């Protein structure tokens, strides 16, 4: 995202083009964006939800000194439709997933800035008409470890997997089993390599 004055969070609103061309991206201060029942208002312009592909902005967190390892992890698998008719899949930790009245939001790992000790996430908010499905499930530590909590960690043993500033995909391949968990969520197991 473009550099903004200090303290101003820049949002990117991605819209379908009314003339059928490539998607249009508008950048503005997050404070200018207002999401409501019928769509998004930016200043004096209004965009109905049918045109909105996504709204994104960066969220910065302090880098944890040590990763917390849990034996089981609640994850969410989200399938989104793309404007071109394709499907986009994301797997995120449940604490980085939120559903709202008009939208679904998730925090996706973007990059690590080790020199200042912080992790940057991209908060992606999409309207409900783009959501094909989402599923909550509990994964064992071996599978949950494959969902990156930081963009500089790989699926295997927390080893660095990307160069500094390089974008990392947050996809985890899991195959559902027939068993049900104690909370009713389907159990999953990692696919064989």
C-alpha atoms as a PDB file:
ATOM      1  CA  UNK A   1       0.000   0.000   0.000  1.00  0.00           C
ATOM      2  CA  UNK A   2       1.164   3.494  -0.683  1.00  0.00           C
ATOM      3  CA  UNK A   3       2.957   5.423   2.002  1.00  0.00           C
ATOM      4  CA  UNK A   4       0.605   7.667   3.929  1.00  0.00           C
ATOM      5  CA  UNK A   5       1.253  10.441   6.423  1.00  0.00           C
ATOM      6  CA  UNK A   6       2.316   9.077   9.815  1.00  0.00           C
ATOM      7  CA  UNK A   7      -0.638   7.740  11.805  1.00  0.00           C
ATOM      8  CA  UNK A   8      -2.977   7.463   8.806  1.00  0.00           C
ATOM      9  CA  UNK A   9      -4.074   3.959   7.816  1.00  0.00           C
ATOM     10  CA  UNK A  10      -4.521   3.586   4.062  1.00  0.00           C
ATOM     11  CA  UNK A  11      -7.361   1.389   2.825  1.00  0.00           C
ATOM     12  CA  UNK A  12      -7.654  -0.140  -0.642  1.00  0.00           C
ATOM     13  CA  UNK A  13     -11.180  -0.566  -1.993  1.00  0.00           C
ATOM     14  CA  UNK A  14     -11.303  -2.977  -4.927  1.00  0.00           C
ATOM     15  CA  UNK A  15     -14.373  -2.611  -7.167  1.00  0.00           C
ATOM     16  CA  UNK A  16     -15.625  -4.284 -10.323  1.00  0.00           C
ATOM     17  CA  UNK A  17     -15.554  -1.926 -13.308  1.00  0.00           C
ATOM     18  CA  UNK A  18     -19.035  -0.797 -14.413  1.00  0.00           C
ATOM     19  CA  UNK A  19     -17.932  -1.073 -18.059  1.00  0.00           C
ATOM     20  CA  UNK A  20     -16.686  -4.662 -17.705  1.00  0.00           C
ATOM     21  CA  UNK A  21     -12.959  -3.921 -17.661  1.00  0.00           C
ATOM     22  CA  UNK A  22     -10.359  -4.787 -15.050  1.00  0.00           C
ATOM     23  CA  UNK A  23     -11.109  -4.207 -11.379  1.00  0.00           C
ATOM     24  CA  UNK A  24     -10.737  -0.630 -10.129  1.00  0.00           C
ATOM     25  CA  UNK A  25      -8.667   0.015  -6.982  1.00  0.00           C
ATOM     26  CA  UNK A  26      -9.217   3.178  -4.955  1.00  0.00           C
ATOM     27  CA  UNK A  27      -6.869   4.136  -2.123  1.00  0.00           C
ATOM     28  CA  UNK A  28      -8.004   6.406   0.691  1.00  0.00           C
ATOM     29  CA  UNK A  29      -7.633   6.938   4.427  1.00  0.00           C
ATOM     30  CA  UNK A  30      -9.465   4.223   6.350  1.00  0.00           C
ATOM     31  CA  UNK A  31     -11.337   6.949   8.252  1.00  0.00           C
ATOM     32  CA  UNK A  32     -13.065   7.883   4.955  1.00  0.00           C
ATOM     33  CA  UNK A  33     -14.552   4.397   4.490  1.00  0.00           C
ATOM     34  CA  UNK A  34     -18.025   3.743   5.882  1.00  0.00           C
ATOM     35  CA  UNK A  35     -19.599   0.303   5.461  1.00  0.00           C
ATOM     36  CA  UNK A  36     -23.381   0.099   5.737  1.00  0.00           C
ATOM     37  CA  UNK A  37     -26.275  -2.187   4.878  1.00  0.00           C
ATOM     38  CA  UNK A  38     -26.418  -1.334   1.173  1.00  0.00           C
ATOM     39  CA  UNK A  39     -22.738  -0.755   0.411  1.00  0.00           C
ATOM     40  CA  UNK A  40     -19.640   1.356   1.025  1.00  0.00           C
ATOM     41  CA  UNK A  41     -19.470   5.140   1.166  1.00  0.00           C
ATOM     42  CA  UNK A  42     -16.150   6.887   0.517  1.00  0.00           C
ATOM     43  CA  UNK A  43     -16.437  10.640   0.876  1.00  0.00           C
ATOM     44  CA  UNK A  44     -19.247  11.658  -1.492  1.00  0.00           C
ATOM     45  CA  UNK A  45     -19.171   8.429  -3.549  1.00  0.00           C
ATOM     46  CA  UNK A  46     -21.352   5.373  -2.802  1.00  0.00           C
ATOM     47  CA  UNK A  47     -20.625   1.831  -4.068  1.00  0.00           C
ATOM     48  CA  UNK A  48     -23.274  -0.899  -3.688  1.00  0.00           C
ATOM     49  CA  UNK A  49     -22.092  -4.255  -2.320  1.00  0.00           C
ATOM     50  CA  UNK A  50     -22.618  -5.824  -5.759  1.00  0.00           C
ATOM     51  CA  UNK A  51     -19.604  -3.818  -7.036  1.00  0.00           C
ATOM     52  CA  UNK A  52     -17.330  -4.341  -4.026  1.00  0.00           C
ATOM     53  CA  UNK A  53     -14.704  -7.065  -4.404  1.00  0.00           C
ATOM     54  CA  UNK A  54     -12.816  -6.302  -1.171  1.00  0.00           C
ATOM     55  CA  UNK A  55     -11.588  -3.634   1.184  1.00  0.00           C
ATOM     56  CA  UNK A  56      -8.084  -4.125   2.635  1.00  0.00           C
ATOM     57  CA  UNK A  57      -5.747  -2.397   5.034  1.00  0.00           C
ATOM     58  CA  UNK A  58      -2.652  -3.254   7.023  1.00  0.00           C
ATOM     59  CA  UNK A  59      -2.708  -4.238  10.696  1.00  0.00           C
ATOM     60  CA  UNK A  60       0.563  -4.147  12.629  1.00  0.00           C
ATOM     61  CA  UNK A  61       1.333  -6.333  15.657  1.00  0.00           C
ATOM     62  CA  UNK A  62       4.417  -6.704  17.800  1.00  0.00           C
ATOM     63  CA  UNK A  63       6.300  -9.867  16.875  1.00  0.00           C
ATOM     64  CA  UNK A  64       5.923 -12.473  19.633  1.00  0.00           C
ATOM     65  CA  UNK A  65       9.171 -13.516  21.255  1.00  0.00           C
ATOM     66  CA  UNK A  66       8.154 -17.147  21.169  1.00  0.00           C
ATOM     67  CA  UNK A  67       5.346 -18.908  19.294  1.00  0.00           C
ATOM     68  CA  UNK A  68       2.646 -20.473  21.478  1.00  0.00           C
ATOM     69  CA  UNK A  69       2.307 -24.144  20.552  1.00  0.00           C
ATOM     70  CA  UNK A  70      -1.111 -25.698  21.201  1.00  0.00           C
ATOM     71  CA  UNK A  71      -1.957 -29.406  20.805  1.00  0.00           C
ATOM     72  CA  UNK A  72      -5.112 -28.496  18.847  1.00  0.00           C
ATOM     73  CA  UNK A  73      -5.997 -25.336  16.980  1.00  0.00           C
ATOM     74  CA  UNK A  74      -9.354 -23.957  15.804  1.00  0.00           C
ATOM     75  CA  UNK A  75      -9.011 -22.977  12.135  1.00  0.00           C
ATOM     76  CA  UNK A  76     -11.367 -21.516   9.547  1.00  0.00           C
ATOM     77  CA  UNK A  77     -11.362 -22.412   5.846  1.00  0.00           C
ATOM     78  CA  UNK A  78     -12.910 -19.694   3.658  1.00  0.00           C
ATOM     79  CA  UNK A  79     -13.867 -20.071  -0.013  1.00  0.00           C
ATOM     80  CA  UNK A  80     -14.451 -16.852  -1.961  1.00  0.00           C
ATOM     81  CA  UNK A  81     -15.609 -16.319  -5.523  1.00  0.00           C
ATOM     82  CA  UNK A  82     -13.402 -14.139  -7.711  1.00  0.00           C
ATOM     83  CA  UNK A  83     -14.778 -11.608 -10.199  1.00  0.00           C
ATOM     84  CA  UNK A  84     -13.445 -13.810 -13.036  1.00  0.00           C
ATOM     85  CA  UNK A  85     -15.523 -16.778 -11.821  1.00  0.00           C
ATOM     86  CA  UNK A  86     -12.729 -18.620 -10.026  1.00  0.00           C
ATOM     87  CA  UNK A  87     -12.419 -19.690  -6.398  1.00  0.00           C
ATOM     88  CA  UNK A  88     -10.002 -18.331  -3.800  1.00  0.00           C
ATOM     89  CA  UNK A  89      -9.248 -20.380  -0.651  1.00  0.00           C
ATOM     90  CA  UNK A  90      -7.838 -19.075   2.629  1.00  0.00           C
ATOM     91  CA  UNK A  91      -7.155 -20.894   5.913  1.00  0.00           C
ATOM     92  CA  UNK A  92      -6.747 -18.743   8.974  1.00  0.00           C
ATOM     93  CA  UNK A  93      -6.629 -19.158  12.723  1.00  0.00           C
ATOM     94  CA  UNK A  94     -10.100 -18.616  14.203  1.00  0.00           C
ATOM     95  CA  UNK A  95      -8.896 -15.639  16.237  1.00  0.00           C
ATOM     96  CA  UNK A  96      -8.018 -13.905  12.949  1.00  0.00           C
ATOM     97  CA  UNK A  97     -11.501 -14.403  11.431  1.00  0.00           C
ATOM     98  CA  UNK A  98     -14.628 -12.292  11.947  1.00  0.00           C
ATOM     99  CA  UNK A  99     -18.143 -12.317  10.546  1.00  0.00           C
ATOM    100  CA  UNK A 100     -20.262  -9.190  10.460  1.00  0.00           C
ATOM    101  CA  UNK A 101     -23.711  -8.195   9.308  1.00  0.00           C
ATOM    102  CA  UNK A 102     -22.612  -7.264   5.773  1.00  0.00           C
ATOM    103  CA  UNK A 103     -19.108  -8.669   5.498  1.00  0.00           C
ATOM    104  CA  UNK A 104     -16.615 -11.363   6.443  1.00  0.00           C
ATOM    105  CA  UNK A 105     -13.104 -10.292   7.526  1.00  0.00           C
ATOM    106  CA  UNK A 106      -9.822 -12.118   8.059  1.00  0.00           C
ATOM    107  CA  UNK A 107      -6.220 -11.228   8.868  1.00  0.00           C
ATOM    108  CA  UNK A 108      -3.749 -12.693   6.388  1.00  0.00           C
ATOM    109  CA  UNK A 109       0.029 -12.685   7.054  1.00  0.00           C
ATOM    110  CA  UNK A 110       1.771 -10.110   4.864  1.00  0.00           C
ATOM    111  CA  UNK A 111       5.371  -9.563   6.009  1.00  0.00           C
ATOM    112  CA  UNK A 112       7.747  -9.391   8.972  1.00  0.00           C
ATOM    113  CA  UNK A 113       9.824  -6.338   9.791  1.00  0.00           C
ATOM    114  CA  UNK A 114      12.469  -7.860  12.101  1.00  0.00           C
ATOM    115  CA  UNK A 115      14.514  -4.677  12.438  1.00  0.00           C
ATOM    116  CA  UNK A 116      11.654  -3.069  14.400  1.00  0.00           C
ATOM    117  CA  UNK A 117      10.162  -6.292  15.789  1.00  0.00           C
ATOM    118  CA  UNK A 118       6.734  -6.299  14.209  1.00  0.00           C
ATOM    119  CA  UNK A 119       4.518  -8.434  11.997  1.00  0.00           C
ATOM    120  CA  UNK A 120       2.270  -6.864   9.358  1.00  0.00           C
ATOM    121  CA  UNK A 121      -1.039  -8.496   8.457  1.00  0.00           C
ATOM    122  CA  UNK A 122      -3.467  -7.567   5.700  1.00  0.00           C
ATOM    123  CA  UNK A 123      -7.057  -7.284   6.934  1.00  0.00           C
ATOM    124  CA  UNK A 124      -9.269  -8.361   4.044  1.00  0.00           C
ATOM    125  CA  UNK A 125     -12.984  -7.588   4.268  1.00  0.00           C
ATOM    126  CA  UNK A 126     -15.291  -9.070   1.629  1.00  0.00           C
ATOM    127  CA  UNK A 127     -19.058  -8.712   1.129  1.00  0.00           C
ATOM    128  CA  UNK A 128     -21.241 -11.773   1.727  1.00  0.00           C
ATOM    129  CA  UNK A 129     -22.080 -12.234  -1.975  1.00  0.00           C
ATOM    130  CA  UNK A 130     -18.440 -13.274  -2.562  1.00  0.00           C
ATOM    131  CA  UNK A 131     -18.460 -15.894   0.205  1.00  0.00           C
ATOM    132  CA  UNK A 132     -19.075 -19.398  -1.160  1.00  0.00           C
ATOM    133  CA  UNK A 133     -18.627 -21.065   2.225  1.00  0.00           C
ATOM    134  CA  UNK A 134     -16.640 -21.043   5.408  1.00  0.00           C
ATOM    135  CA  UNK A 135     -15.951 -23.934   7.737  1.00  0.00           C
ATOM    136  CA  UNK A 136     -14.587 -24.032  11.275  1.00  0.00           C
ATOM    137  CA  UNK A 137     -12.619 -27.104  12.270  1.00  0.00           C
ATOM    138  CA  UNK A 138     -10.154 -28.307  14.847  1.00  0.00           C
ATOM    139  CA  UNK A 139      -6.757 -29.411  13.572  1.00  0.00           C
ATOM    140  CA  UNK A 140      -4.060 -31.292  15.433  1.00  0.00           C
ATOM    141  CA  UNK A 141      -0.833 -29.419  16.120  1.00  0.00           C
ATOM    142  CA  UNK A 142       0.934 -30.994  13.137  1.00  0.00           C
ATOM    143  CA  UNK A 143      -1.710 -29.665  10.714  1.00  0.00           C
ATOM    144  CA  UNK A 144      -2.335 -26.387  12.544  1.00  0.00           C
ATOM    145  CA  UNK A 145       1.384 -25.674  12.368  1.00  0.00           C
ATOM    146  CA  UNK A 146       1.039 -25.485   8.592  1.00  0.00           C
ATOM    147  CA  UNK A 147      -1.173 -22.379   8.837  1.00  0.00           C
ATOM    148  CA  UNK A 148       1.295 -19.504   9.044  1.00  0.00           C
ATOM    149  CA  UNK A 149       0.921 -17.214  12.040  1.00  0.00           C
ATOM    150  CA  UNK A 150       3.766 -15.128  10.690  1.00  0.00           C
ATOM    151  CA  UNK A 151       4.659 -14.700   7.016  1.00  0.00           C
ATOM    152  CA  UNK A 152       8.312 -15.577   7.585  1.00  0.00           C
ATOM    153  CA  UNK A 153       7.522 -19.064   8.942  1.00  0.00           C
ATOM    154  CA  UNK A 154       7.101 -22.103   6.730  1.00  0.00           C
ATOM    155  CA  UNK A 155       4.783 -25.019   7.180  1.00  0.00           C
ATOM    156  CA  UNK A 156       7.612 -27.146   8.537  1.00  0.00           C
ATOM    157  CA  UNK A 157       9.074 -26.632  11.990  1.00  0.00           C
ATOM    158  CA  UNK A 158       8.891 -22.847  11.976  1.00  0.00           C
ATOM    159  CA  UNK A 159      11.800 -22.468   9.575  1.00  0.00           C
ATOM    160  CA  UNK A 160      12.024 -19.206   7.642  1.00  0.00           C
ATOM    161  CA  UNK A 161      10.336 -19.654   4.280  1.00  0.00           C
ATOM    162  CA  UNK A 162      10.397 -16.242   2.648  1.00  0.00           C
ATOM    163  CA  UNK A 163      12.753 -13.397   2.114  1.00  0.00           C
ATOM    164  CA  UNK A 164      12.084 -10.293   4.168  1.00  0.00           C
ATOM    165  CA  UNK A 165       9.131  -8.373   2.673  1.00  0.00           C
ATOM    166  CA  UNK A 166       8.114 -11.278   0.406  1.00  0.00           C
ATOM    167  CA  UNK A 167       4.403 -12.173   0.350  1.00  0.00           C
ATOM    168  CA  UNK A 168       3.456 -15.625   1.638  1.00  0.00           C
ATOM    169  CA  UNK A 169       0.415 -17.710   0.721  1.00  0.00           C
ATOM    170  CA  UNK A 170      -1.694 -18.976   3.618  1.00  0.00           C
ATOM    171  CA  UNK A 171      -2.981 -22.246   2.149  1.00  0.00           C
ATOM    172  CA  UNK A 172      -3.095 -25.558   4.000  1.00  0.00           C
ATOM    173  CA  UNK A 173      -4.182 -28.820   2.369  1.00  0.00           C
ATOM    174  CA  UNK A 174      -6.443 -30.842   4.640  1.00  0.00           C
ATOM    175  CA  UNK A 175      -8.788 -33.745   3.949  1.00  0.00           C
ATOM    176  CA  UNK A 176     -11.987 -34.083   6.037  1.00  0.00           C
ATOM    177  CA  UNK A 177     -12.689 -37.287   7.929  1.00  0.00           C
ATOM    178  CA  UNK A 178     -16.094 -38.667   8.805  1.00  0.00           C
ATOM    179  CA  UNK A 179     -15.724 -38.161  12.569  1.00  0.00           C
ATOM    180  CA  UNK A 180     -17.338 -35.303  14.442  1.00  0.00           C
ATOM    181  CA  UNK A 181     -15.554 -33.364  17.160  1.00  0.00           C
ATOM    182  CA  UNK A 182     -16.954 -32.692  20.589  1.00  0.00           C
ATOM    183  CA  UNK A 183     -18.178 -29.290  19.434  1.00  0.00           C
ATOM    184  CA  UNK A 184     -19.825 -30.652  16.273  1.00  0.00           C
ATOM    185  CA  UNK A 185     -17.077 -29.486  13.911  1.00  0.00           C
ATOM    186  CA  UNK A 186     -15.794 -32.032  11.413  1.00  0.00           C
ATOM    187  CA  UNK A 187     -12.382 -33.407  12.268  1.00  0.00           C
ATOM    188  CA  UNK A 188      -9.661 -33.048   9.633  1.00  0.00           C
ATOM    189  CA  UNK A 189      -6.396 -34.748   8.938  1.00  0.00           C
ATOM    190  CA  UNK A 190      -3.489 -33.628   6.748  1.00  0.00           C
ATOM    191  CA  UNK A 191      -3.451 -35.092   3.237  1.00  0.00           C
ATOM    192  CA  UNK A 192      -0.671 -37.490   2.474  1.00  0.00           C
ATOM    193  CA  UNK A 193       2.224 -35.656   0.843  1.00  0.00           C
END
